[in-house]
Amino acid sequence: MYTTIKVRKDEGIAHLVIDNPPLNLLDAALLRDLDAFLTEVAQDAAVRVIVFESADTEFFVAHGDMDFIEDPQAVIGIEIAGDQSLNPMLRLHERLRQLPQVTIGKLAGLARGGGSELLLAMDLRFAAAETAGLAQNETSIGIIPGGGGSVYLPRLVGRARALEIILGGRLFDAATAERYGWINRALPAAELDDFVQRLAQRIATLAPGVARAAIETVDMALTSHQDGLKAEEQALFGLFAQPAALALTRAARAAGAQTRAGERDLESTTAGITAA
């Protein structure tokens, strides 16, 4: 189905590998393949989590295709679903941001410009401490981010740091990106795959509706404190009414929750509980 990505689905997790040599540019072919994948996966209730990574250990997505500057209409004319008042790259990133699944970016190499923005549109981002790097370097060629960078970044790093990233145009190492809030964590490269896989598996096994309720409540809180509180209240009691909540709470108690021994390492105590 695809020429620039490879997709494997396993136990509720879709693993998407970007493979668009020689540089994994965010070009027309990759945009179209990602758009087709988003259309497919949005309807796939069996997929709970999507992990994005790269076949190229040096580049996640190098950046947007600079050849677009020679023919801007070639960009505008790319058929991507979504709000047609937005450019295709931004349209794609907004569709990614609004997927019903939890999205995780795994960064081993470099992601500049559109590559960084593709990651920014995801829910979570993890990077290899020794080799990963991020930049929004559009100002060096006389433009500003056009795939959501100037909108997504301030929500993560704040206004001043977003302006530093965009106006400075320099490459940020993983440790600094973590400290700024650009990524969730910088991990040793040898630990990155296992960490992301375990997190994805954990999210994929959450009770139905839990992950989406958490994301929607957090997003609402970023817009309005009061509306966030109301959204949390509504989501909480909606989940309480589901059979899974009662079954899992009873299973947690049976496993040792609310006992002194069980509470010393509650995460391990409840690690294997199910709603069955």
Protein backbone atom coordinates (compact mmCIF):
# COMPACT_ATOMS: atom_id res chain seq x y z
CA MET A 1 0.00 0.00 0.00
CA TYR A 2 2.81 2.43 0.85
CA THR A 3 6.13 3.41 -0.72
CA THR A 4 7.68 5.54 2.05
CA ILE A 5 6.47 3.89 5.26
CA LYS A 6 6.24 0.39 6.66
CA VAL A 7 3.48 -0.57 9.09
CA ARG A 8 3.27 -3.53 11.44
CA LYS A 9 0.39 -4.11 13.85
CA ASP A 10 0.76 -6.25 16.94
CA GLU A 11 -1.40 -6.60 20.06
CA GLY A 12 -3.06 -3.20 19.83
CA ILE A 13 0.07 -1.33 18.73
CA ALA A 14 0.79 -0.07 15.20
CA HIS A 15 4.50 0.36 14.53
CA LEU A 16 5.08 2.84 11.69
CA VAL A 17 8.60 3.05 10.27
CA ILE A 18 9.43 5.98 7.99
CA ASP A 19 11.59 4.75 5.11
CA ASN A 20 11.97 7.45 2.46
CA PRO A 21 15.61 7.50 1.36
CA PRO A 22 17.97 9.15 0.97
CA LEU A 23 17.08 11.58 3.78
CA ASN A 24 13.53 10.80 4.89
CA LEU A 25 12.41 14.19 3.62
CA LEU A 26 8.81 15.16 4.34
CA ASP A 27 8.03 15.30 0.63
CA ALA A 28 4.84 14.79 -1.37
CA ALA A 29 5.19 10.99 -1.38
CA LEU A 30 5.65 10.77 2.40
CA LEU A 31 2.81 13.23 3.02
CA ARG A 32 0.46 11.13 0.89
CA ASP A 33 1.45 7.87 2.55
CA LEU A 34 1.05 9.30 6.04
CA ASP A 35 -2.32 10.73 5.06
CA ALA A 36 -3.48 7.35 3.76
CA PHE A 37 -2.26 5.65 6.92
CA LEU A 38 -4.11 8.16 9.15
CA THR A 39 -7.31 7.54 7.21
CA GLU A 40 -6.92 3.78 7.64
CA VAL A 41 -5.88 3.70 11.28
CA ALA A 42 -8.49 6.20 12.48
CA GLN A 43 -11.12 3.55 11.72
CA ASP A 44 -9.17 0.65 13.25
CA ALA A 45 -10.53 0.12 16.76
CA ALA A 46 -8.04 -2.70 17.33
CA VAL A 47 -5.15 -0.22 17.28
CA ARG A 48 -4.82 1.59 20.60
CA VAL A 49 -1.30 3.03 20.27
CA ILE A 50 0.85 4.12 17.31
CA VAL A 51 4.66 4.25 17.55
CA PHE A 52 6.46 6.29 14.88
CA GLU A 53 10.15 5.71 14.17
CA SER A 54 12.64 5.79 11.30
CA ALA A 55 14.45 3.17 9.26
CA ASP A 56 17.32 5.67 8.97
CA THR A 57 19.28 5.78 12.23
CA GLU A 58 20.71 9.21 11.36
CA PHE A 59 17.51 10.99 10.32
CA PHE A 60 13.96 10.64 11.67
CA VAL A 61 12.63 13.12 9.11
CA ALA A 62 15.33 15.51 7.93
CA HIS A 63 12.85 18.35 7.28
CA GLY A 64 10.27 19.42 4.71
CA ASP A 65 11.28 19.10 1.06
CA MET A 66 13.08 22.36 0.13
CA ASP A 67 12.20 21.83 -3.53
CA PHE A 68 8.73 23.09 -2.61
CA ILE A 69 10.11 26.66 -2.66
CA GLU A 70 10.57 26.40 -6.43
CA ASP A 71 6.90 25.59 -6.93
CA PRO A 72 4.73 26.49 -3.91
CA GLN A 73 1.62 25.33 -5.77
CA ALA A 74 3.06 21.83 -5.74
CA VAL A 75 2.61 21.91 -1.97
CA ILE A 76 -0.80 23.55 -1.96
CA GLY A 77 -2.01 21.01 -4.51
CA ILE A 78 -1.14 17.89 -2.51
CA GLU A 79 -4.39 16.12 -1.67
CA ILE A 80 -4.46 15.70 2.10
CA ALA A 81 -7.71 15.26 4.02
CA GLY A 82 -8.76 17.78 6.67
CA ASP A 83 -9.25 21.53 6.88
CA GLN A 84 -8.61 22.72 3.33
CA SER A 85 -7.86 26.25 4.53
CA LEU A 86 -4.56 24.92 5.95
CA ASN A 87 -1.49 23.90 3.99
CA PRO A 88 -1.10 20.11 3.43
CA MET A 89 1.66 19.66 6.03
CA LEU A 90 -0.32 21.44 8.73
CA ARG A 91 -3.46 19.59 7.64
CA LEU A 92 -1.65 16.28 8.11
CA HIS A 93 -0.24 17.23 11.50
CA GLU A 94 -3.64 18.35 12.77
CA ARG A 95 -5.15 15.03 11.64
CA LEU A 96 -2.36 13.22 13.46
CA ARG A 97 -2.91 15.30 16.60
CA GLN A 98 -6.61 14.44 16.62
CA LEU A 99 -6.34 10.67 16.12
CA PRO A 100 -8.29 8.55 18.59
CA GLN A 101 -5.15 6.51 19.33
CA VAL A 102 -2.25 7.52 21.58
CA THR A 103 0.71 8.49 19.36
CA ILE A 104 4.35 8.11 20.39
CA GLY A 105 7.42 9.40 18.55
CA LYS A 106 10.71 7.51 18.94
CA LEU A 107 13.66 9.65 17.87
CA ALA A 108 17.09 8.11 17.38
CA GLY A 109 18.52 10.64 14.91
CA LEU A 110 17.80 14.18 13.70
CA ALA A 111 14.45 15.91 13.13
CA ARG A 112 14.43 19.46 11.83
CA GLY A 113 11.63 21.67 10.53
CA GLY A 114 8.76 19.48 9.33
CA GLY A 115 10.33 16.47 11.01
CA SER A 116 10.20 18.21 14.37
CA GLU A 117 6.64 19.35 13.68
CA LEU A 118 5.58 15.79 12.84
CA LEU A 119 6.85 14.79 16.29
CA LEU A 120 5.22 17.81 17.93
CA ALA A 121 1.83 16.68 16.62
CA MET A 122 2.17 13.40 18.54
CA ASP A 123 1.08 12.86 22.13
CA LEU A 124 4.46 11.69 23.46
CA ARG A 125 8.09 11.94 22.31
CA PHE A 126 11.16 10.00 23.48
CA ALA A 127 14.71 10.37 22.18
CA ALA A 128 18.12 8.71 22.28
CA ALA A 129 20.32 10.83 24.54
CA GLU A 130 23.53 10.28 22.58
CA THR A 131 22.32 10.73 19.00
CA ALA A 132 18.99 12.59 18.76
CA GLY A 133 18.67 16.24 17.81
CA LEU A 134 15.82 18.66 17.10
CA ALA A 135 15.60 22.02 15.36
CA GLN A 136 13.12 24.48 13.90
CA ASN A 137 15.55 26.13 11.51
CA GLU A 138 13.15 27.62 8.96
CA THR A 139 14.24 31.19 9.74
CA SER A 140 17.67 30.39 8.26
CA ILE A 141 16.04 30.20 4.80
CA GLY A 142 13.82 33.24 5.27
CA ILE A 143 10.57 31.65 6.47
CA ILE A 144 8.96 30.53 9.74
CA PRO A 145 7.64 27.08 10.71
CA GLY A 146 4.68 26.12 8.52
CA GLY A 147 3.68 22.73 9.88
CA GLY A 148 2.53 23.85 13.33
CA GLY A 149 5.85 24.56 15.03
CA SER A 150 5.01 28.07 16.18
CA VAL A 151 1.66 26.82 17.55
CA TYR A 152 2.63 23.48 19.08
CA LEU A 153 5.94 24.53 20.66
CA PRO A 154 4.64 27.24 23.06
CA ARG A 155 2.24 24.73 24.62
CA LEU A 156 5.18 22.50 25.46
CA VAL A 157 8.08 24.83 26.19
CA GLY A 158 6.49 28.26 26.81
CA ARG A 159 6.61 31.48 24.78
CA ALA A 160 10.20 32.56 25.42
CA ARG A 161 11.74 29.16 24.73
CA ALA A 162 9.59 28.69 21.62
CA LEU A 163 10.95 31.99 20.29
CA GLU A 164 14.50 30.94 21.15
CA ILE A 165 14.04 27.69 19.25
CA ILE A 166 12.46 29.33 16.19
CA LEU A 167 14.53 32.51 15.97
CA GLY A 168 17.80 30.89 17.03
CA GLY A 169 17.42 28.07 14.51
CA ARG A 170 20.08 25.91 16.17
CA LEU A 171 20.14 22.18 16.79
CA PHE A 172 19.07 21.11 20.28
CA ASP A 173 20.50 17.96 21.79
CA ALA A 174 18.16 15.51 23.48
CA ALA A 175 19.13 16.51 27.01
CA THR A 176 18.29 20.17 26.40
CA ALA A 177 15.12 19.28 24.52
CA GLU A 178 14.05 17.21 27.53
CA ARG A 179 14.83 20.04 29.95
CA TYR A 180 12.80 22.47 27.81
CA GLY A 181 9.83 20.09 27.56
CA TRP A 182 10.19 19.56 23.81
CA ILE A 183 10.42 15.81 24.42
CA ASN A 184 9.26 13.69 27.35
CA ARG A 185 12.59 12.00 28.05
CA ALA A 186 16.09 11.58 26.73
CA LEU A 187 17.06 7.96 27.28
CA PRO A 188 20.26 6.01 26.66
CA ALA A 189 20.06 4.76 23.08
CA ALA A 190 20.35 1.17 24.24
CA GLU A 191 17.25 1.60 26.41
CA LEU A 192 15.04 3.60 24.02
CA ASP A 193 13.34 0.74 22.16
CA ASP A 194 12.52 -1.25 25.28
CA PHE A 195 11.22 1.78 27.18
CA VAL A 196 8.89 2.88 24.37
CA GLN A 197 7.67 -0.67 23.77
CA ARG A 198 6.82 -1.23 27.44
CA LEU A 199 4.99 2.10 27.62
CA ALA A 200 3.07 1.38 24.40
CA GLN A 201 2.08 -2.06 25.69
CA ARG A 202 0.89 -0.58 28.97
CA ILE A 203 -1.26 2.04 27.23
CA ALA A 204 -2.63 -0.53 24.77
CA THR A 205 -3.96 -2.64 27.66
CA LEU A 206 -5.74 0.21 29.49
CA ALA A 207 -9.48 -0.14 29.91
CA PRO A 208 -11.48 1.14 26.91
CA GLY A 209 -11.89 4.91 26.88
CA VAL A 210 -9.29 5.67 29.56
CA ALA A 211 -6.49 6.97 27.33
CA ARG A 212 -8.80 9.10 25.19
CA ALA A 213 -10.49 10.56 28.29
CA ALA A 214 -7.10 11.51 29.75
CA ILE A 215 -5.97 13.20 26.52
CA GLU A 216 -9.20 15.12 26.02
CA THR A 217 -9.25 16.31 29.63
CA VAL A 218 -5.63 17.48 29.53
CA ASP A 219 -6.22 19.28 26.22
CA MET A 220 -9.30 20.99 27.62
CA ALA A 221 -7.38 22.10 30.71
CA LEU A 222 -4.78 23.80 28.49
CA THR A 223 -7.56 25.92 27.03
CA SER A 224 -9.57 26.64 30.18
CA HIS A 225 -8.95 25.68 33.81
CA GLN A 226 -12.64 25.61 34.65
CA ASP A 227 -13.62 23.72 31.52
CA GLY A 228 -10.83 21.27 32.27
CA LEU A 229 -12.26 20.58 35.71
CA LYS A 230 -15.71 20.01 34.24
CA ALA A 231 -14.30 17.71 31.55
CA GLU A 232 -12.41 15.71 34.15
CA GLU A 233 -15.51 15.34 36.31
CA GLN A 234 -17.61 14.19 33.38
CA ALA A 235 -14.98 11.74 32.11
CA LEU A 236 -14.30 10.33 35.57
CA PHE A 237 -17.89 9.44 36.33
CA GLY A 238 -18.42 8.16 32.80
CA LEU A 239 -15.55 5.71 33.34
CA PHE A 240 -16.76 4.83 36.84
CA ALA A 241 -19.99 3.65 35.23
CA GLN A 242 -18.14 1.16 33.04
CA PRO A 243 -17.84 -2.49 34.20
CA ALA A 244 -14.05 -2.41 33.78
CA ALA A 245 -13.57 0.17 36.53
CA LEU A 246 -15.37 -1.94 39.13
CA ALA A 247 -13.66 -5.16 38.04
CA LEU A 248 -10.19 -3.61 38.03
CA THR A 249 -10.69 -1.95 41.41
CA ARG A 250 -11.77 -5.25 42.93
CA ALA A 251 -8.81 -7.01 41.32
CA ALA A 252 -6.43 -4.38 42.71
CA ARG A 253 -7.81 -4.89 46.21
CA ALA A 254 -7.51 -8.67 45.86
CA ALA A 255 -3.89 -8.31 44.71
CA GLY A 256 -2.95 -6.34 47.83
CA ALA A 257 -3.85 -2.71 47.20
CA GLN A 258 -4.69 -0.85 50.43
CA THR A 259 -2.52 -3.22 52.47
CA ARG A 260 0.79 -2.07 53.92
CA ALA A 261 2.78 -4.68 51.99
CA GLY A 262 0.99 -4.07 48.72
CA GLU A 263 1.27 -0.28 48.91
CA ARG A 264 5.07 -0.31 49.27
CA ASP A 265 5.28 -1.12 45.54
CA LEU A 266 1.74 -0.62 44.33
CA GLU A 267 2.81 -0.56 40.68
CA SER A 268 4.16 -4.11 40.94
CA THR A 269 1.24 -5.23 43.09
CA THR A 270 -1.27 -4.23 40.44
CA ALA A 271 0.87 -4.93 37.34
CA GLY A 272 -0.93 -8.10 36.34
CA ILE A 273 -4.53 -7.29 37.21
CA THR A 274 -7.24 -7.62 34.57
CA ALA A 275 -10.93 -6.86 34.34
CA ALA A 276 -11.71 -10.54 33.65
